């Protein structure tokens, strides 16, 4: 199981962590939301829980709850700027559909 970060996403996450030196790493997960079922979450991780999996890439720790892992395994996280807008972009091989606005996704079988 793995999560991959592009150079742009990794740099953006390092920038967040530099402002919060007490943070353990970045937490990546999902929540029920939107018209397709699930939305992605990216936040600072204060600590690692017993049910977390930690991925490390170039010194950046990415923390993922094991319950979310089947939904996001293999996801590539990118960070893109388009004009005045900037956001993380997720390429998830498990997603079988997305809503029109791109804020939520669905999967064929829900673990």
PDB file of N, CA and C in Angstrom:
ATOM      1  N   UNK A   1       0.843  -1.182   0.000  1.00  0.00           N
ATOM      2  CA  UNK A   1       0.000   0.000   0.000  1.00  0.00           C
ATOM      3  C   UNK A   1       0.885   1.241   0.000  1.00  0.00           C
ATOM      4  N   UNK A   2       0.432   2.247  -0.742  1.00  0.00           N
ATOM      5  CA  UNK A   2       1.252   3.445  -0.809  1.00  0.00           C
ATOM      6  C   UNK A   2       0.440   4.665  -1.230  1.00  0.00           C
ATOM      7  N   UNK A   3       0.972   5.810  -0.885  1.00  0.00           N
ATOM      8  CA  UNK A   3       0.474   7.110  -1.312  1.00  0.00           C
ATOM      9  C   UNK A   3       1.701   7.827  -1.877  1.00  0.00           C
ATOM     10  N   UNK A   4       1.563   8.437  -3.033  1.00  0.00           N
ATOM     11  CA  UNK A   4       2.685   9.138  -3.652  1.00  0.00           C
ATOM     12  C   UNK A   4       2.436  10.641  -3.657  1.00  0.00           C
ATOM     13  N   UNK A   5       3.500  11.397  -3.475  1.00  0.00           N
ATOM     14  CA  UNK A   5       3.430  12.860  -3.516  1.00  0.00           C
ATOM     15  C   UNK A   5       4.280  13.365  -4.673  1.00  0.00           C
ATOM     16  N   UNK A   6       3.738  14.310  -5.434  1.00  0.00           N
ATOM     17  CA  UNK A   6       4.563  14.962  -6.447  1.00  0.00           C
ATOM     18  C   UNK A   6       5.485  15.938  -5.728  1.00  0.00           C
ATOM     19  N   UNK A   7       6.486  16.434  -6.447  1.00  0.00           N
ATOM     20  CA  UNK A   7       7.401  17.408  -5.853  1.00  0.00           C
ATOM     21  C   UNK A   7       6.649  18.650  -5.375  1.00  0.00           C
ATOM     22  N   UNK A   8       5.663  19.106  -6.168  1.00  0.00           N
ATOM     23  CA  UNK A   8       4.903  20.304  -5.793  1.00  0.00           C
ATOM     24  C   UNK A   8       4.092  20.075  -4.514  1.00  0.00           C
ATOM     25  N   UNK A   9       3.461  18.914  -4.380  1.00  0.00           N
ATOM     26  CA  UNK A   9       2.682  18.611  -3.169  1.00  0.00           C
ATOM     27  C   UNK A   9       3.599  18.487  -1.959  1.00  0.00           C
ATOM     28  N   UNK A  10       4.710  17.815  -2.137  1.00  0.00           N
ATOM     29  CA  UNK A  10       5.656  17.648  -1.033  1.00  0.00           C
ATOM     30  C   UNK A  10       6.170  19.010  -0.555  1.00  0.00           C
ATOM     31  N   UNK A  11       6.486  19.901  -1.496  1.00  0.00           N
ATOM     32  CA  UNK A  11       6.979  21.228  -1.131  1.00  0.00           C
ATOM     33  C   UNK A  11       5.913  22.022  -0.387  1.00  0.00           C
ATOM     34  N   UNK A  12       4.676  21.953  -0.858  1.00  0.00           N
ATOM     35  CA  UNK A  12       3.581  22.662  -0.194  1.00  0.00           C
ATOM     36  C   UNK A  12       3.381  22.148   1.233  1.00  0.00           C
ATOM     37  N   UNK A  13       3.462  20.840   1.407  1.00  0.00           N
ATOM     38  CA  UNK A  13       3.319  20.248   2.738  1.00  0.00           C
ATOM     39  C   UNK A  13       4.487  20.619   3.641  1.00  0.00           C
ATOM     40  N   UNK A  14       5.702  20.646   3.080  1.00  0.00           N
ATOM     41  CA  UNK A  14       6.862  21.094   3.864  1.00  0.00           C
ATOM     42  C   UNK A  14       6.666  22.542   4.313  1.00  0.00           C
ATOM     43  N   UNK A  15       6.098  23.383   3.443  1.00  0.00           N
ATOM     44  CA  UNK A  15       5.831  24.782   3.802  1.00  0.00           C
ATOM     45  C   UNK A  15       4.867  24.868   4.988  1.00  0.00           C
ATOM     46  N   UNK A  16       3.797  24.050   4.963  1.00  0.00           N
ATOM     47  CA  UNK A  16       2.848  24.013   6.083  1.00  0.00           C
ATOM     48  C   UNK A  16       3.550  23.577   7.368  1.00  0.00           C
ATOM     49  N   UNK A  17       4.352  22.536   7.266  1.00  0.00           N
ATOM     50  CA  UNK A  17       5.030  21.998   8.452  1.00  0.00           C
ATOM     51  C   UNK A  17       6.053  22.972   9.019  1.00  0.00           C
ATOM     52  N   UNK A  18       6.678  23.763   8.164  1.00  0.00           N
ATOM     53  CA  UNK A  18       7.661  24.746   8.638  1.00  0.00           C
ATOM     54  C   UNK A  18       7.003  25.781   9.546  1.00  0.00           C
ATOM     55  N   UNK A  19       5.731  26.050   9.309  1.00  0.00           N
ATOM     56  CA  UNK A  19       4.995  27.018  10.135  1.00  0.00           C
ATOM     57  C   UNK A  19       4.461  26.392  11.422  1.00  0.00           C
ATOM     58  N   UNK A  20       4.471  25.068  11.500  1.00  0.00           N
ATOM     59  CA  UNK A  20       3.985  24.334  12.672  1.00  0.00           C
ATOM     60  C   UNK A  20       5.037  23.295  13.085  1.00  0.00           C
ATOM     61  N   UNK A  21       6.144  23.729  13.667  1.00  0.00           N
ATOM     62  CA  UNK A  21       7.245  22.806  13.965  1.00  0.00           C
ATOM     63  C   UNK A  21       6.892  21.683  14.943  1.00  0.00           C
ATOM     64  N   UNK A  22       5.804  21.825  15.701  1.00  0.00           N
ATOM     65  CA  UNK A  22       5.412  20.775  16.641  1.00  0.00           C
ATOM     66  C   UNK A  22       4.609  19.661  15.971  1.00  0.00           C
ATOM     67  N   UNK A  23       4.177  19.860  14.743  1.00  0.00           N
ATOM     68  CA  UNK A  23       3.377  18.849  14.048  1.00  0.00           C
ATOM     69  C   UNK A  23       4.244  17.644  13.709  1.00  0.00           C
ATOM     70  N   UNK A  24       3.653  16.477  13.817  1.00  0.00           N
ATOM     71  CA  UNK A  24       4.349  15.228  13.484  1.00  0.00           C
ATOM     72  C   UNK A  24       4.514  15.080  11.972  1.00  0.00           C
ATOM     73  N   UNK A  25       3.479  15.473  11.245  1.00  0.00           N
ATOM     74  CA  UNK A  25       3.482  15.339   9.796  1.00  0.00           C
ATOM     75  C   UNK A  25       2.172  15.840   9.233  1.00  0.00           C
ATOM     76  N   UNK A  26       1.802  15.315   8.071  1.00  0.00           N
ATOM     77  CA  UNK A  26       0.561  15.701   7.409  1.00  0.00           C
ATOM     78  C   UNK A  26      -0.397  14.513   7.429  1.00  0.00           C
ATOM     79  N   UNK A  27      -1.643  14.773   7.811  1.00  0.00           N
ATOM     80  CA  UNK A  27      -2.665  13.727   7.830  1.00  0.00           C
ATOM     81  C   UNK A  27      -3.481  13.810   6.549  1.00  0.00           C
ATOM     82  N   UNK A  28      -3.589  12.664   5.854  1.00  0.00           N
ATOM     83  CA  UNK A  28      -4.379  12.554   4.628  1.00  0.00           C
ATOM     84  C   UNK A  28      -5.471  11.544   4.876  1.00  0.00           C
ATOM     85  N   UNK A  29      -6.703  11.911   4.540  1.00  0.00           N
ATOM     86  CA  UNK A  29      -7.800  10.988   4.776  1.00  0.00           C
ATOM     87  C   UNK A  29      -9.017  11.325   3.945  1.00  0.00           C
ATOM     88  N   UNK A  30     -10.141  10.758   4.356  1.00  0.00           N
ATOM     89  CA  UNK A  30     -11.403  10.983   3.669  1.00  0.00           C
ATOM     90  C   UNK A  30     -12.488  11.264   4.697  1.00  0.00           C
ATOM     91  N   UNK A  31     -13.563  11.864   4.219  1.00  0.00           N
ATOM     92  CA  UNK A  31     -14.741  12.087   5.053  1.00  0.00           C
ATOM     93  C   UNK A  31     -15.960  11.932   4.151  1.00  0.00           C
ATOM     94  N   UNK A  32     -17.082  11.584   4.730  1.00  0.00           N
ATOM     95  CA  UNK A  32     -18.324  11.489   3.959  1.00  0.00           C
ATOM     96  C   UNK A  32     -18.802  12.906   3.674  1.00  0.00           C
ATOM     97  N   UNK A  33     -18.997  13.193   2.389  1.00  0.00           N
ATOM     98  CA  UNK A  33     -19.420  14.533   1.997  1.00  0.00           C
ATOM     99  C   UNK A  33     -19.786  14.563   0.524  1.00  0.00           C
ATOM    100  N   UNK A  34     -20.374  15.635   0.101  1.00  0.00           N
ATOM    101  CA  UNK A  34     -20.622  15.874  -1.313  1.00  0.00           C
ATOM    102  C   UNK A  34     -21.636  14.940  -1.936  1.00  0.00           C
ATOM    103  N   UNK A  35     -21.817  15.122  -3.212  1.00  0.00           N
ATOM    104  CA  UNK A  35     -22.834  14.348  -3.926  1.00  0.00           C
ATOM    105  C   UNK A  35     -22.344  12.968  -4.334  1.00  0.00           C
ATOM    106  N   UNK A  36     -21.032  12.718  -4.275  1.00  0.00           N
ATOM    107  CA  UNK A  36     -20.523  11.409  -4.669  1.00  0.00           C
ATOM    108  C   UNK A  36     -20.159  10.520  -3.489  1.00  0.00           C
ATOM    109  N   UNK A  37     -20.144  11.050  -2.287  1.00  0.00           N
ATOM    110  CA  UNK A  37     -19.937  10.185  -1.136  1.00  0.00           C
ATOM    111  C   UNK A  37     -18.760  10.503  -0.246  1.00  0.00           C
ATOM    112  N   UNK A  38     -17.558  10.706  -0.830  1.00  0.00           N
ATOM    113  CA  UNK A  38     -16.362  10.939  -0.025  1.00  0.00           C
ATOM    114  C   UNK A  38     -15.608  12.162  -0.525  1.00  0.00           C
ATOM    115  N   UNK A  39     -14.997  12.861   0.407  1.00  0.00           N
ATOM    116  CA  UNK A  39     -14.119  13.976   0.076  1.00  0.00           C
ATOM    117  C   UNK A  39     -12.773  13.735   0.736  1.00  0.00           C
ATOM    118  N   UNK A  40     -11.744  14.317   0.185  1.00  0.00           N
ATOM    119  CA  UNK A  40     -10.397  14.171   0.738  1.00  0.00           C
ATOM    120  C   UNK A  40     -10.157  15.203   1.827  1.00  0.00           C
ATOM    121  N   UNK A  41      -9.340  14.853   2.800  1.00  0.00           N
ATOM    122  CA  UNK A  41      -8.916  15.792   3.824  1.00  0.00           C
ATOM    123  C   UNK A  41      -7.391  15.807   3.876  1.00  0.00           C
ATOM    124  N   UNK A  42      -6.843  16.982   4.030  1.00  0.00           N
ATOM    125  CA  UNK A  42      -5.401  17.165   4.218  1.00  0.00           C
ATOM    126  C   UNK A  42      -5.260  18.144   5.363  1.00  0.00           C
ATOM    127  N   UNK A  43      -4.564  17.717   6.411  1.00  0.00           N
ATOM    128  CA  UNK A  43      -4.456  18.522   7.616  1.00  0.00           C
ATOM    129  C   UNK A  43      -3.114  18.225   8.277  1.00  0.00           C
ATOM    130  N   UNK A  44      -2.773  18.998   9.271  1.00  0.00           N
ATOM    131  CA  UNK A  44      -1.566  18.698  10.046  1.00  0.00           C
ATOM    132  C   UNK A  44      -1.867  17.581  11.037  1.00  0.00           C
ATOM    133  N   UNK A  45      -0.911  16.708  11.240  1.00  0.00           N
ATOM    134  CA  UNK A  45      -1.042  15.613  12.202  1.00  0.00           C
ATOM    135  C   UNK A  45      -0.228  15.957  13.439  1.00  0.00           C
ATOM    136  N   UNK A  46      -0.913  16.062  14.569  1.00  0.00           N
ATOM    137  CA  UNK A  46      -0.220  16.361  15.820  1.00  0.00           C
ATOM    138  C   UNK A  46       0.517  15.135  16.343  1.00  0.00           C
ATOM    139  N   UNK A  47      -0.046  13.955  16.080  1.00  0.00           N
ATOM    140  CA  UNK A  47       0.538  12.710  16.584  1.00  0.00           C
ATOM    141  C   UNK A  47       0.060  11.558  15.712  1.00  0.00           C
ATOM    142  N   UNK A  48       0.576  10.380  16.005  1.00  0.00           N
ATOM    143  CA  UNK A  48       0.177   9.169  15.294  1.00  0.00           C
ATOM    144  C   UNK A  48      -0.640   8.311  16.253  1.00  0.00           C
ATOM    145  N   UNK A  49      -1.801   7.874  15.797  1.00  0.00           N
ATOM    146  CA  UNK A  49      -2.650   6.998  16.596  1.00  0.00           C
ATOM    147  C   UNK A  49      -2.324   5.538  16.286  1.00  0.00           C
ATOM    148  N   UNK A  50      -2.820   4.659  17.117  1.00  0.00           N
ATOM    149  CA  UNK A  50      -2.563   3.230  16.972  1.00  0.00           C
ATOM    150  C   UNK A  50      -3.064   2.686  15.633  1.00  0.00           C
ATOM    151  N   UNK A  51      -4.138   3.261  15.122  1.00  0.00           N
ATOM    152  CA  UNK A  51      -4.731   2.768  13.872  1.00  0.00           C
ATOM    153  C   UNK A  51      -4.249   3.538  12.637  1.00  0.00           C
ATOM    154  N   UNK A  52      -3.141   4.264  12.738  1.00  0.00           N
ATOM    155  CA  UNK A  52      -2.594   5.024  11.617  1.00  0.00           C
ATOM    156  C   UNK A  52      -1.469   4.264  10.925  1.00  0.00           C
ATOM    157  N   UNK A  53      -1.326   4.523   9.645  1.00  0.00           N
ATOM    158  CA  UNK A  53      -0.184   4.063   8.861  1.00  0.00           C
ATOM    159  C   UNK A  53       0.590   5.312   8.463  1.00  0.00           C
ATOM    160  N   UNK A  54       1.904   5.252   8.551  1.00  0.00           N
ATOM    161  CA  UNK A  54       2.736   6.404   8.217  1.00  0.00           C
ATOM    162  C   UNK A  54       3.562   6.086   6.981  1.00  0.00           C
ATOM    163  N   UNK A  55       3.453   6.946   5.988  1.00  0.00           N
ATOM    164  CA  UNK A  55       4.280   6.873   4.787  1.00  0.00           C
ATOM    165  C   UNK A  55       5.292   8.000   4.873  1.00  0.00           C
ATOM    166  N   UNK A  56       6.529   7.735   4.500  1.00  0.00           N
ATOM    167  CA  UNK A  56       7.544   8.781   4.542  1.00  0.00           C
ATOM    168  C   UNK A  56       8.161   8.921   3.164  1.00  0.00           C
ATOM    169  N   UNK A  57       8.235  10.167   2.707  1.00  0.00           N
ATOM    170  CA  UNK A  57       8.806  10.469   1.412  1.00  0.00           C
ATOM    171  C   UNK A  57       9.673  11.702   1.553  1.00  0.00           C
ATOM    172  N   UNK A  58      10.969  11.550   1.308  1.00  0.00           N
ATOM    173  CA  UNK A  58      11.902  12.676   1.371  1.00  0.00           C
ATOM    174  C   UNK A  58      11.756  13.480   2.655  1.00  0.00           C
ATOM    175  N   UNK A  59      11.661  12.794   3.785  1.00  0.00           N
ATOM    176  CA  UNK A  59      11.588  13.455   5.082  1.00  0.00           C
ATOM    177  C   UNK A  59      10.214  13.957   5.476  1.00  0.00           C
ATOM    178  N   UNK A  60       9.214  13.759   4.635  1.00  0.00           N
ATOM    179  CA  UNK A  60       7.858  14.186   4.964  1.00  0.00           C
ATOM    180  C   UNK A  60       7.051  12.979   5.397  1.00  0.00           C
ATOM    181  N   UNK A  61       6.423  13.074   6.567  1.00  0.00           N
ATOM    182  CA  UNK A  61       5.586  11.977   7.067  1.00  0.00           C
ATOM    183  C   UNK A  61       4.125  12.251   6.722  1.00  0.00           C
ATOM    184  N   UNK A  62       3.527  11.290   6.037  1.00  0.00           N
ATOM    185  CA  UNK A  62       2.121  11.353   5.663  1.00  0.00           C
ATOM    186  C   UNK A  62       1.390  10.296   6.480  1.00  0.00           C
ATOM    187  N   UNK A  63       0.431  10.735   7.305  1.00  0.00           N
ATOM    188  CA  UNK A  63      -0.287   9.870   8.227  1.00  0.00           C
ATOM    189  C   UNK A  63      -1.678   9.577   7.648  1.00  0.00           C
ATOM    190  N   UNK A  64      -2.022   8.277   7.556  1.00  0.00           N
ATOM    191  CA  UNK A  64      -3.310   7.868   7.000  1.00  0.00           C
ATOM    192  C   UNK A  64      -3.961   6.866   7.949  1.00  0.00           C
ATOM    193  N   UNK A  65      -5.210   7.104   8.316  1.00  0.00           N
ATOM    194  CA  UNK A  65      -5.977   6.164   9.131  1.00  0.00           C
ATOM    195  C   UNK A  65      -6.166   4.874   8.341  1.00  0.00           C
ATOM    196  N   UNK A  66      -5.936   3.736   8.972  1.00  0.00           N
ATOM    197  CA  UNK A  66      -6.046   2.444   8.277  1.00  0.00           C
ATOM    198  C   UNK A  66      -7.435   2.191   7.694  1.00  0.00           C
ATOM    199  N   UNK A  67      -8.484   2.769   8.295  1.00  0.00           N
ATOM    200  CA  UNK A  67      -9.831   2.603   7.745  1.00  0.00           C
ATOM    201  C   UNK A  67      -9.978   3.308   6.400  1.00  0.00           C
ATOM    202  N   UNK A  68      -9.241   4.393   6.200  1.00  0.00           N
ATOM    203  CA  UNK A  68      -9.311   5.149   4.945  1.00  0.00           C
ATOM    204  C   UNK A  68      -8.415   4.553   3.865  1.00  0.00           C
ATOM    205  N   UNK A  69      -7.429   3.787   4.272  1.00  0.00           N
ATOM    206  CA  UNK A  69      -6.422   3.296   3.332  1.00  0.00           C
ATOM    207  C   UNK A  69      -6.986   2.531   2.137  1.00  0.00           C
ATOM    208  N   UNK A  70      -7.963   1.638   2.294  1.00  0.00           N
ATOM    209  CA  UNK A  70      -8.483   0.949   1.105  1.00  0.00           C
ATOM    210  C   UNK A  70      -9.095   1.902   0.071  1.00  0.00           C
ATOM    211  N   UNK A  71      -9.560   3.056   0.515  1.00  0.00           N
ATOM    212  CA  UNK A  71     -10.180   4.027  -0.382  1.00  0.00           C
ATOM    213  C   UNK A  71      -9.149   4.887  -1.115  1.00  0.00           C
ATOM    214  N   UNK A  72      -7.960   5.047  -0.517  1.00  0.00           N
ATOM    215  CA  UNK A  72      -6.965   5.972  -1.073  1.00  0.00           C
ATOM    216  C   UNK A  72      -5.649   5.306  -1.459  1.00  0.00           C
ATOM    217  N   UNK A  73      -5.541   4.000  -1.283  1.00  0.00           N
ATOM    218  CA  UNK A  73      -4.303   3.303  -1.631  1.00  0.00           C
ATOM    219  C   UNK A  73      -3.956   3.548  -3.096  1.00  0.00           C
ATOM    220  N   UNK A  74      -2.728   3.928  -3.344  1.00  0.00           N
ATOM    221  CA  UNK A  74      -2.264   4.176  -4.703  1.00  0.00           C
ATOM    222  C   UNK A  74      -2.494   5.596  -5.184  1.00  0.00           C
ATOM    223  N   UNK A  75      -3.080   6.439  -4.348  1.00  0.00           N
ATOM    224  CA  UNK A  75      -3.367   7.815  -4.749  1.00  0.00           C
ATOM    225  C   UNK A  75      -2.087   8.620  -4.909  1.00  0.00           C
ATOM    226  N   UNK A  76      -2.063   9.437  -5.945  1.00  0.00           N
ATOM    227  CA  UNK A  76      -0.992  10.416  -6.124  1.00  0.00           C
ATOM    228  C   UNK A  76      -1.567  11.779  -5.764  1.00  0.00           C
ATOM    229  N   UNK A  77      -0.864  12.496  -4.889  1.00  0.00           N
ATOM    230  CA  UNK A  77      -1.293  13.833  -4.480  1.00  0.00           C
ATOM    231  C   UNK A  77      -0.377  14.843  -5.159  1.00  0.00           C
ATOM    232  N   UNK A  78      -0.992  15.797  -5.831  1.00  0.00           N
ATOM    233  CA  UNK A  78      -0.261  16.859  -6.519  1.00  0.00           C
ATOM    234  C   UNK A  78      -0.740  18.192  -5.953  1.00  0.00           C
ATOM    235  N   UNK A  79       0.000  19.256  -6.208  1.00  0.00           N
ATOM    236  CA  UNK A  79      -0.419  20.600  -5.839  1.00  0.00           C
ATOM    237  C   UNK A  79      -0.293  21.457  -7.080  1.00  0.00           C
ATOM    238  N   UNK A  80      -1.393  22.116  -7.466  1.00  0.00           N
ATOM    239  CA  UNK A  80      -1.397  22.889  -8.698  1.00  0.00           C
ATOM    240  C   UNK A  80      -1.909  24.296  -8.466  1.00  0.00           C
ATOM    241  N   UNK A  81      -1.337  25.213  -9.228  1.00  0.00           N
ATOM    242  CA  UNK A  81      -1.796  26.605  -9.242  1.00  0.00           C
ATOM    243  C   UNK A  81      -2.381  26.898 -10.618  1.00  0.00           C
ATOM    244  N   UNK A  82      -3.552  27.508 -10.611  1.00  0.00           N
ATOM    245  CA  UNK A  82      -4.193  27.941 -11.854  1.00  0.00           C
ATOM    246  C   UNK A  82      -4.694  29.360 -11.628  1.00  0.00           C
ATOM    247  N   UNK A  83      -3.986  30.310 -12.174  1.00  0.00           N
ATOM    248  CA  UNK A  83      -4.337  31.714 -11.933  1.00  0.00           C
ATOM    249  C   UNK A  83      -4.182  32.048 -10.469  1.00  0.00           C
ATOM    250  N   UNK A  84      -5.239  32.558  -9.860  1.00  0.00           N
ATOM    251  CA  UNK A  84      -5.203  32.908  -8.435  1.00  0.00           C
ATOM    252  C   UNK A  84      -5.538  31.728  -7.537  1.00  0.00           C
ATOM    253  N   UNK A  85      -5.961  30.608  -8.117  1.00  0.00           N
ATOM    254  CA  UNK A  85      -6.359  29.439  -7.345  1.00  0.00           C
ATOM    255  C   UNK A  85      -5.205  28.455  -7.184  1.00  0.00           C
ATOM    256  N   UNK A  86      -5.155  27.828  -6.034  1.00  0.00           N
ATOM    257  CA  UNK A  86      -4.157  26.792  -5.770  1.00  0.00           C
ATOM    258  C   UNK A  86      -4.818  25.720  -4.915  1.00  0.00           C
ATOM    259  N   UNK A  87      -4.546  24.451  -5.242  1.00  0.00           N
ATOM    260  CA  UNK A  87      -5.162  23.380  -4.459  1.00  0.00           C
ATOM    261  C   UNK A  87      -4.430  22.066  -4.681  1.00  0.00           C
ATOM    262  N   UNK A  88      -4.691  21.141  -3.758  1.00  0.00           N
ATOM    263  CA  UNK A  88      -4.200  19.783  -3.930  1.00  0.00           C
ATOM    264  C   UNK A  88      -5.090  19.090  -4.947  1.00  0.00           C
ATOM    265  N   UNK A  89      -4.492  18.240  -5.758  1.00  0.00           N
ATOM    266  CA  UNK A  89      -5.211  17.464  -6.767  1.00  0.00           C
ATOM    267  C   UNK A  89      -4.913  16.002  -6.481  1.00  0.00           C
ATOM    268  N   UNK A  90      -5.948  15.166  -6.499  1.00  0.00           N
ATOM    269  CA  UNK A  90      -5.816  13.760  -6.137  1.00  0.00           C
ATOM    270  C   UNK A  90      -6.086  12.878  -7.345  1.00  0.00           C
ATOM    271  N   UNK A  91      -5.151  11.995  -7.626  1.00  0.00           N
ATOM    272  CA  UNK A  91      -5.331  10.995  -8.689  1.00  0.00           C
ATOM    273  C   UNK A  91      -5.452   9.645  -7.996  1.00  0.00           C
ATOM    274  N   UNK A  92      -6.701   9.226  -7.822  1.00  0.00           N
ATOM    275  CA  UNK A  92      -6.999   8.045  -7.020  1.00  0.00           C
ATOM    276  C   UNK A  92      -7.454   6.909  -7.937  1.00  0.00           C
ATOM    277  N   UNK A  93      -6.672   5.827  -8.032  1.00  0.00           N
ATOM    278  CA  UNK A  93      -7.064   4.715  -8.905  1.00  0.00           C
ATOM    279  C   UNK A  93      -8.296   3.957  -8.403  1.00  0.00           C
ATOM    280  N   UNK A  94      -8.694   4.172  -7.165  1.00  0.00           N
ATOM    281  CA  UNK A  94      -9.864   3.500  -6.591  1.00  0.00           C
ATOM    282  C   UNK A  94     -11.166   4.222  -6.891  1.00  0.00           C
ATOM    283  N   UNK A  95     -11.087   5.492  -7.283  1.00  0.00           N
ATOM    284  CA  UNK A  95     -12.285   6.280  -7.548  1.00  0.00           C
ATOM    285  C   UNK A  95     -12.949   5.789  -8.829  1.00  0.00           C
ATOM    286  N   UNK A  96     -14.225   5.469  -8.721  1.00  0.00           N
ATOM    287  CA  UNK A  96     -14.977   5.009  -9.893  1.00  0.00           C
ATOM    288  C   UNK A  96     -15.872   6.110 -10.435  1.00  0.00           C
ATOM    289  N   UNK A  97     -15.951   7.231  -9.730  1.00  0.00           N
ATOM    290  CA  UNK A  97     -16.738   8.362 -10.186  1.00  0.00           C
ATOM    291  C   UNK A  97     -16.438   9.580  -9.338  1.00  0.00           C
ATOM    292  N   UNK A  98     -16.701  10.744  -9.902  1.00  0.00           N
ATOM    293  CA  UNK A  98     -16.510  12.006  -9.197  1.00  0.00           C
ATOM    294  C   UNK A  98     -17.701  12.905  -9.472  1.00  0.00           C
ATOM    295  N   UNK A  99     -17.960  13.817  -8.558  1.00  0.00           N
ATOM    296  CA  UNK A  99     -19.025  14.776  -8.808  1.00  0.00           C
ATOM    297  C   UNK A  99     -18.521  15.805  -9.818  1.00  0.00           C
ATOM    298  N   UNK A 100     -19.417  16.571 -10.373  1.00  0.00           N
ATOM    299  CA  UNK A 100     -19.067  17.540 -11.399  1.00  0.00           C
ATOM    300  C   UNK A 100     -18.083  18.596 -10.947  1.00  0.00           C
ATOM    301  N   UNK A 101     -18.133  18.980  -9.680  1.00  0.00           N
ATOM    302  CA  UNK A 101     -17.231  20.020  -9.194  1.00  0.00           C
ATOM    303  C   UNK A 101     -15.888  19.456  -8.736  1.00  0.00           C
ATOM    304  N   UNK A 102     -15.755  18.133  -8.688  1.00  0.00           N
ATOM    305  CA  UNK A 102     -14.488  17.525  -8.304  1.00  0.00           C
ATOM    306  C   UNK A 102     -14.229  17.490  -6.810  1.00  0.00           C
ATOM    307  N   UNK A 103     -15.202  17.845  -6.000  1.00  0.00           N
ATOM    308  CA  UNK A 103     -15.012  17.887  -4.555  1.00  0.00           C
ATOM    309  C   UNK A 103     -15.207  16.537  -3.874  1.00  0.00           C
ATOM    310  N   UNK A 104     -15.879  15.614  -4.524  1.00  0.00           N
ATOM    311  CA  UNK A 104     -16.104  14.322  -3.881  1.00  0.00           C
ATOM    312  C   UNK A 104     -15.975  13.201  -4.906  1.00  0.00           C
ATOM    313  N   UNK A 105     -15.819  11.982  -4.382  1.00  0.00           N
ATOM    314  CA  UNK A 105     -15.624  10.823  -5.238  1.00  0.00           C
ATOM    315  C   UNK A 105     -16.372   9.629  -4.671  1.00  0.00           C
ATOM    316  N   UNK A 106     -16.493   8.604  -5.487  1.00  0.00           N
ATOM    317  CA  UNK A 106     -17.133   7.362  -5.067  1.00  0.00           C
ATOM    318  C   UNK A 106     -16.221   6.203  -5.444  1.00  0.00           C
ATOM    319  N   UNK A 107     -16.392   5.084  -4.758  1.00  0.00           N
ATOM    320  CA  UNK A 107     -15.628   3.879  -5.073  1.00  0.00           C
ATOM    321  C   UNK A 107     -16.608   2.733  -5.309  1.00  0.00           C
ATOM    322  N   UNK A 108     -16.174   1.770  -6.117  1.00  0.00           N
ATOM    323  CA  UNK A 108     -17.040   0.624  -6.483  1.00  0.00           C
ATOM    324  C   UNK A 108     -17.470  -0.172  -5.262  1.00  0.00           C
ATOM    325  N   UNK A 109     -16.494  -0.654  -4.504  1.00  0.00           N
ATOM    326  CA  UNK A 109     -16.792  -1.415  -3.288  1.00  0.00           C
ATOM    327  C   UNK A 109     -16.274  -0.625  -2.113  1.00  0.00           C
ATOM    328  N   UNK A 110     -17.094  -0.447  -1.120  1.00  0.00           N
ATOM    329  CA  UNK A 110     -16.692   0.340   0.034  1.00  0.00           C
ATOM    330  C   UNK A 110     -16.251  -0.598   1.136  1.00  0.00           C
ATOM    331  N   UNK A 111     -14.966  -0.446   1.522  1.00  0.00           N
ATOM    332  CA  UNK A 111     -14.384  -1.317   2.551  1.00  0.00           C
ATOM    333  C   UNK A 111     -14.948  -1.018   3.908  1.00  0.00           C
TER     334      UNK A 111
END
